Amino acid sequence: MEPIVVEATRGEVVEARHVVHAVAVRDDRIELAAGDPGLVTFLRSSAKPIQALPVVRARPDLDDEQIVLLCASHLAAPEQVAVVRRILADAPATEDELECGPDPTAIAHNCSGKHAGFLALCRAEGWETPGYRLLEHPCQQAMLQEVVEAAEVAPSSLVVAVDGCGVQTFAVPLERAAHAFARLASLEGGARVVGAMRAHADLLRGPVAADVVLIRALDGWVAKGGAEGLFCAASADGLGIAVKVADGAFRPVQAAVAHVLSLLGLDGSALGPSEIRNGLGEPVGELRVVGRF
């Protein structure tokens, strides 16, 4: 299939068109592909549920809310920051040890939960915490190995770069990202991560976020968005999907995911098409899937 195209309209005028690559995988077999399933893309925050796995295994005392914040790209809501503080207290670690940078403070950074989890892992394993974000640190080597095992790729095939929050991020072909998500619940610690994300989905970001909407709309599903227009999700019966917007925009993701779900015979109506509203909350256009670019 050709890539998915999502149009953004304002009134009767098409203001923008977004090209979207998408793939669905089950049992290491591609069931649907639109565009390039081999497109190499950085996992960014979509990797967080995978990066949570070694933390959950090393710290079985973490509760479900704490596990969700390991996976979250949170908005620094009081209830989200309070859980990050609990992760740090239980590690034990301090806010000063967080290496995610000020946003405006480290604890308010949207990746502070993941970083707090890294500190908890370092404490459990007896690793020094300074520099835990660097590739040569045992913490990031553990994250690299976790992605390798989840995606079932050779370590030498991973492209490694630095994420927005300072830790390492790993690039894999889009179909390998879908494959990794399809396997998430079956990996050691994965059932706990998936269960926690489903039980406290709002803590992942907020109630209108695409991943939260999907989790609430589809029984048994789990999802996590990442920067630059990446979105990964998986069903309880082992179907994994990955969607990547070529221009890096996130706004067409919901409409594209809804379309992929419909092609798979699933109900994605809760995700799209999406209205575009102005600052007054008035509908002024929509995001809709169309034919070829």
Protein backbone atom coordinates (compact mmCIF):
# COMPACT_ATOMS: atom_id res chain seq x y z
CA MET A 1 0.00 0.00 0.00
CA GLU A 2 0.98 3.61 -0.50
CA PRO A 3 1.72 5.65 2.64
CA ILE A 4 -1.28 7.03 4.50
CA VAL A 5 -1.97 10.71 3.85
CA VAL A 6 -3.66 12.84 6.50
CA GLU A 7 -5.00 16.23 5.45
CA ALA A 8 -5.45 19.15 7.81
CA THR A 9 -8.33 21.37 6.71
CA ARG A 10 -9.46 24.80 7.80
CA GLY A 11 -12.91 25.51 6.50
CA GLU A 12 -12.93 24.29 2.91
CA VAL A 13 -9.18 24.71 2.38
CA VAL A 14 -6.57 21.98 2.83
CA GLU A 15 -3.80 23.67 4.83
CA ALA A 16 -1.39 20.75 5.16
CA ARG A 17 -0.84 17.14 4.17
CA HIS A 18 1.10 14.65 6.30
CA VAL A 19 2.60 11.44 4.89
CA VAL A 20 2.42 8.54 7.35
CA HIS A 21 4.13 5.14 7.29
CA ALA A 22 2.45 2.35 9.23
CA VAL A 23 2.89 -1.36 9.86
CA ALA A 24 1.08 -4.08 11.80
CA VAL A 25 2.93 -7.21 12.93
CA ARG A 26 1.85 -10.48 14.52
CA ASP A 27 4.06 -13.50 15.27
CA ASP A 28 6.99 -11.76 13.55
CA ARG A 29 4.95 -11.49 10.35
CA ILE A 30 3.78 -8.29 8.70
CA GLU A 31 -0.02 -8.30 8.44
CA LEU A 32 -0.40 -4.80 7.00
CA ALA A 33 1.99 -2.18 5.69
CA ALA A 34 1.35 1.30 4.36
CA GLY A 35 4.44 3.05 3.07
CA ASP A 36 7.83 1.71 4.17
CA PRO A 37 7.79 -0.86 7.01
CA GLY A 38 11.59 -0.84 6.92
CA LEU A 39 11.82 2.89 7.64
CA VAL A 40 14.44 3.33 10.37
CA THR A 41 13.20 5.56 13.16
CA PHE A 42 14.27 6.44 16.68
CA LEU A 43 12.00 4.98 19.33
CA ARG A 44 12.19 8.09 21.50
CA SER A 45 9.54 7.96 24.26
CA SER A 46 7.81 4.97 22.68
CA ALA A 47 10.68 2.96 24.16
CA LYS A 48 9.72 3.83 27.74
CA PRO A 49 7.59 0.72 28.43
CA ILE A 50 10.53 -1.39 27.21
CA GLN A 51 13.02 0.63 29.26
CA ALA A 52 10.82 0.07 32.32
CA LEU A 53 11.30 -3.70 32.17
CA PRO A 54 14.72 -3.99 33.89
CA VAL A 55 13.56 -1.50 36.52
CA VAL A 56 10.45 -3.55 37.28
CA ARG A 57 12.48 -6.75 37.50
CA ALA A 58 15.07 -5.18 39.82
CA ARG A 59 12.46 -3.38 41.94
CA PRO A 60 9.42 -5.66 42.38
CA ASP A 61 8.27 -3.40 45.23
CA LEU A 62 7.19 -0.65 42.79
CA ASP A 63 3.43 -0.13 42.72
CA ASP A 64 1.34 0.32 39.57
CA GLU A 65 1.36 4.13 39.68
CA GLN A 66 5.14 4.16 39.96
CA ILE A 67 5.45 1.76 37.03
CA VAL A 68 3.23 3.99 34.88
CA LEU A 69 5.43 7.01 35.62
CA LEU A 70 8.47 5.03 34.43
CA CYS A 71 6.66 4.92 31.07
CA ALA A 72 5.13 8.40 31.13
CA SER A 73 5.72 11.56 29.15
CA HIS A 74 3.91 13.46 31.85
CA LEU A 75 2.63 17.02 32.00
CA ALA A 76 3.93 17.74 35.53
CA ALA A 77 0.43 17.57 37.00
CA PRO A 78 0.61 17.44 40.81
CA GLU A 79 -0.52 13.81 40.92
CA GLN A 80 2.16 12.84 38.38
CA VAL A 81 5.00 14.68 40.09
CA ALA A 82 3.95 13.20 43.44
CA VAL A 83 4.47 9.69 42.05
CA VAL A 84 7.91 10.62 40.67
CA ARG A 85 8.83 11.85 44.15
CA ARG A 86 7.78 8.48 45.56
CA ILE A 87 10.00 6.64 43.06
CA LEU A 88 12.93 8.81 44.12
CA ALA A 89 12.22 8.38 47.83
CA ASP A 90 11.99 4.61 47.49
CA ALA A 91 15.17 4.36 45.37
CA PRO A 92 16.49 6.17 47.48
CA ALA A 93 17.64 9.13 45.37
CA THR A 94 17.26 12.89 45.27
CA GLU A 95 16.01 15.35 42.69
CA ASP A 96 19.56 16.68 42.36
CA GLU A 97 20.60 13.32 40.89
CA LEU A 98 18.14 13.57 37.98
CA GLU A 99 20.05 14.23 34.75
CA CYS A 100 17.10 15.12 32.51
CA GLY A 101 17.71 18.86 32.66
CA PRO A 102 15.47 21.70 33.90
CA ASP A 103 11.98 21.96 32.43
CA PRO A 104 11.66 24.31 34.37
CA THR A 105 12.93 21.93 37.05
CA ALA A 106 14.21 18.38 36.71
CA ILE A 107 11.26 16.93 38.63
CA ALA A 108 8.84 18.71 36.26
CA HIS A 109 10.55 17.40 33.12
CA ASN A 110 8.21 15.12 31.20
CA CYS A 111 10.79 12.31 31.38
CA SER A 112 11.52 12.62 35.10
CA GLY A 113 9.67 9.37 35.87
CA LYS A 114 11.90 7.42 33.50
CA HIS A 115 14.99 9.07 34.96
CA ALA A 116 13.83 8.34 38.51
CA GLY A 117 13.46 4.72 37.44
CA PHE A 118 17.01 4.71 36.10
CA LEU A 119 18.23 5.95 39.48
CA ALA A 120 16.22 3.21 41.22
CA LEU A 121 17.81 0.64 38.92
CA CYS A 122 21.29 1.99 39.66
CA ARG A 123 20.67 1.74 43.41
CA ALA A 124 19.34 -1.83 43.07
CA GLU A 125 22.32 -2.92 40.97
CA GLY A 126 24.96 -1.03 42.96
CA TRP A 127 25.96 1.20 40.06
CA GLU A 128 27.26 4.74 40.52
CA THR A 129 24.57 7.24 39.57
CA PRO A 130 26.58 10.11 38.02
CA GLY A 131 26.48 9.79 34.26
CA TYR A 132 23.71 7.16 34.27
CA ARG A 133 22.41 8.75 31.06
CA LEU A 134 25.59 8.11 29.06
CA LEU A 135 25.97 5.22 26.63
CA GLU A 136 28.98 3.72 28.41
CA HIS A 137 27.15 3.57 31.76
CA PRO A 138 25.79 0.13 32.78
CA CYS A 139 22.30 1.63 32.98
CA GLN A 140 22.21 2.62 29.32
CA GLN A 141 23.91 -0.60 28.30
CA ALA A 142 21.05 -2.39 30.05
CA MET A 143 18.55 -0.28 28.09
CA LEU A 144 20.31 -1.06 24.82
CA GLN A 145 20.17 -4.78 25.57
CA GLU A 146 16.49 -4.54 26.48
CA VAL A 147 15.64 -2.95 23.11
CA VAL A 148 17.77 -5.54 21.31
CA GLU A 149 15.89 -8.38 23.00
CA ALA A 150 12.42 -6.85 22.60
CA ALA A 151 12.87 -6.02 18.92
CA GLU A 152 14.96 -9.14 18.25
CA VAL A 153 17.66 -7.31 16.34
CA ALA A 154 21.44 -7.55 16.30
CA PRO A 155 23.12 -5.04 18.64
CA SER A 156 25.30 -3.89 15.75
CA SER A 157 22.21 -2.92 13.75
CA LEU A 158 20.99 -0.37 16.30
CA VAL A 159 21.61 3.28 15.56
CA VAL A 160 22.23 5.12 18.82
CA ALA A 161 21.83 8.85 19.48
CA VAL A 162 20.98 11.15 22.38
CA ASP A 163 17.33 11.73 23.24
CA GLY A 164 15.79 15.06 24.21
CA CYS A 165 16.14 14.27 27.92
CA GLY A 166 19.82 13.35 27.62
CA VAL A 167 19.64 9.54 27.74
CA GLN A 168 20.28 7.23 24.81
CA THR A 169 17.67 6.55 22.14
CA PHE A 170 17.77 3.69 19.68
CA ALA A 171 16.63 3.51 16.06
CA VAL A 172 15.10 0.38 14.53
CA PRO A 173 13.05 -0.36 11.41
CA LEU A 174 9.40 0.50 11.89
CA GLU A 175 8.29 -3.13 11.68
CA ARG A 176 10.78 -4.01 14.47
CA ALA A 177 9.19 -1.33 16.66
CA ALA A 178 5.80 -2.92 16.05
CA HIS A 179 7.29 -6.35 16.74
CA ALA A 180 8.78 -5.17 20.04
CA PHE A 181 5.40 -3.84 21.17
CA ALA A 182 3.67 -7.04 20.07
CA ARG A 183 6.04 -8.93 22.39
CA LEU A 184 5.88 -6.48 25.32
CA ALA A 185 3.40 -8.37 27.52
CA SER A 186 5.29 -11.65 27.04
CA LEU A 187 8.67 -10.27 28.11
CA GLU A 188 9.84 -10.67 31.70
CA GLY A 189 8.17 -7.88 33.65
CA GLY A 190 6.02 -6.94 30.66
CA ALA A 191 2.73 -8.11 32.11
CA ARG A 192 3.23 -5.81 35.09
CA VAL A 193 4.07 -2.87 32.84
CA VAL A 194 1.07 -3.43 30.57
CA GLY A 195 -1.28 -3.95 33.50
CA ALA A 196 -0.12 -0.78 35.21
CA MET A 197 -0.41 1.30 32.03
CA ARG A 198 -3.95 0.08 31.51
CA ALA A 199 -4.95 0.59 35.15
CA HIS A 200 -3.66 4.18 35.36
CA ALA A 201 -3.58 5.33 31.74
CA ASP A 202 -4.23 9.01 32.53
CA LEU A 203 -0.90 9.21 34.35
CA LEU A 204 0.94 8.46 31.08
CA ARG A 205 0.29 12.01 29.89
CA GLY A 206 -3.28 13.28 30.09
CA PRO A 207 -6.82 12.14 29.23
CA VAL A 208 -6.81 13.47 25.64
CA ALA A 209 -3.39 12.08 24.63
CA ALA A 210 -3.53 9.63 21.71
CA ASP A 211 -2.02 6.73 23.66
CA VAL A 212 -4.39 7.26 26.58
CA VAL A 213 -7.40 7.48 24.24
CA LEU A 214 -6.46 4.21 22.56
CA ILE A 215 -5.88 2.38 25.85
CA ARG A 216 -9.29 3.49 27.10
CA ALA A 217 -11.05 2.72 23.83
CA LEU A 218 -9.70 -0.77 23.10
CA ASP A 219 -9.89 -3.52 25.69
CA GLY A 220 -6.51 -5.09 26.42
CA TRP A 221 -4.48 -2.67 24.31
CA VAL A 222 -1.43 -0.69 25.40
CA ALA A 223 0.15 2.25 23.57
CA LYS A 224 2.90 4.84 23.87
CA GLY A 225 3.66 7.81 21.68
CA GLY A 226 7.12 9.18 21.00
CA ALA A 227 8.60 12.40 19.69
CA GLU A 228 8.73 13.19 15.97
CA GLY A 229 5.42 11.56 15.15
CA LEU A 230 6.00 7.98 16.33
CA PHE A 231 3.23 5.88 17.90
CA CYS A 232 3.41 2.24 18.94
CA ALA A 233 0.66 0.02 20.31
CA ALA A 234 -0.20 -3.62 20.90
CA SER A 235 -3.25 -5.74 21.56
CA ALA A 236 -3.62 -8.38 24.25
CA ASP A 237 -3.45 -11.13 21.62
CA GLY A 238 -0.08 -10.09 20.20
CA LEU A 239 -0.81 -7.66 17.38
CA GLY A 240 1.68 -4.79 17.30
CA ILE A 241 1.39 -1.61 15.30
CA ALA A 242 3.79 1.26 14.66
CA VAL A 243 2.96 4.54 12.94
CA LYS A 244 5.49 7.19 11.91
CA VAL A 245 4.64 10.61 10.50
CA ALA A 246 7.32 11.47 7.94
CA ASP A 247 7.50 15.17 8.82
CA GLY A 248 7.62 14.50 12.57
CA ALA A 249 4.28 16.11 13.39
CA PHE A 250 2.17 14.41 16.03
CA ARG A 251 -1.22 15.92 15.21
CA PRO A 252 -2.08 13.45 12.39
CA VAL A 253 -1.28 10.40 14.54
CA GLN A 254 -4.78 9.76 15.88
CA ALA A 255 -6.41 9.91 12.46
CA ALA A 256 -3.72 7.65 11.00
CA VAL A 257 -3.98 5.11 13.83
CA ALA A 258 -7.77 5.08 13.50
CA HIS A 259 -7.36 4.33 9.80
CA VAL A 260 -4.87 1.51 10.45
CA LEU A 261 -7.23 -0.03 12.98
CA SER A 262 -10.09 0.12 10.51
CA LEU A 263 -7.96 -1.62 7.88
CA LEU A 264 -7.36 -4.36 10.43
CA GLY A 265 -11.10 -4.71 11.03
CA LEU A 266 -10.98 -2.99 14.43
CA ASP A 267 -13.00 -0.06 15.74
CA GLY A 268 -10.77 3.02 15.84
CA SER A 269 -13.59 5.55 15.84
CA ALA A 270 -12.60 6.91 19.23
CA LEU A 271 -9.35 8.20 17.72
CA GLY A 272 -10.43 9.90 14.51
CA PRO A 273 -11.05 11.78 12.40
CA SER A 274 -9.95 14.61 14.68
CA GLU A 275 -11.43 18.07 14.86
CA ILE A 276 -9.17 21.11 14.73
CA ARG A 277 -10.33 23.75 17.18
CA ASN A 278 -9.32 27.35 17.75
CA GLY A 279 -8.42 28.96 21.07
CA LEU A 280 -12.10 29.44 21.85
CA GLY A 281 -12.79 25.75 21.48
CA GLU A 282 -14.70 26.22 18.23
CA PRO A 283 -14.30 23.57 15.48
CA VAL A 284 -12.57 25.14 12.46
CA GLY A 285 -11.36 22.10 10.52
CA GLU A 286 -10.36 18.49 10.80
CA LEU A 287 -7.62 15.94 10.28
CA ARG A 288 -8.76 13.29 7.81
CA VAL A 289 -7.25 10.40 5.91
CA VAL A 290 -7.34 10.77 2.12
CA GLY A 291 -5.89 8.92 -0.86
CA ARG A 292 -2.46 9.38 -2.36
CA PHE A 293 -0.34 12.43 -1.67
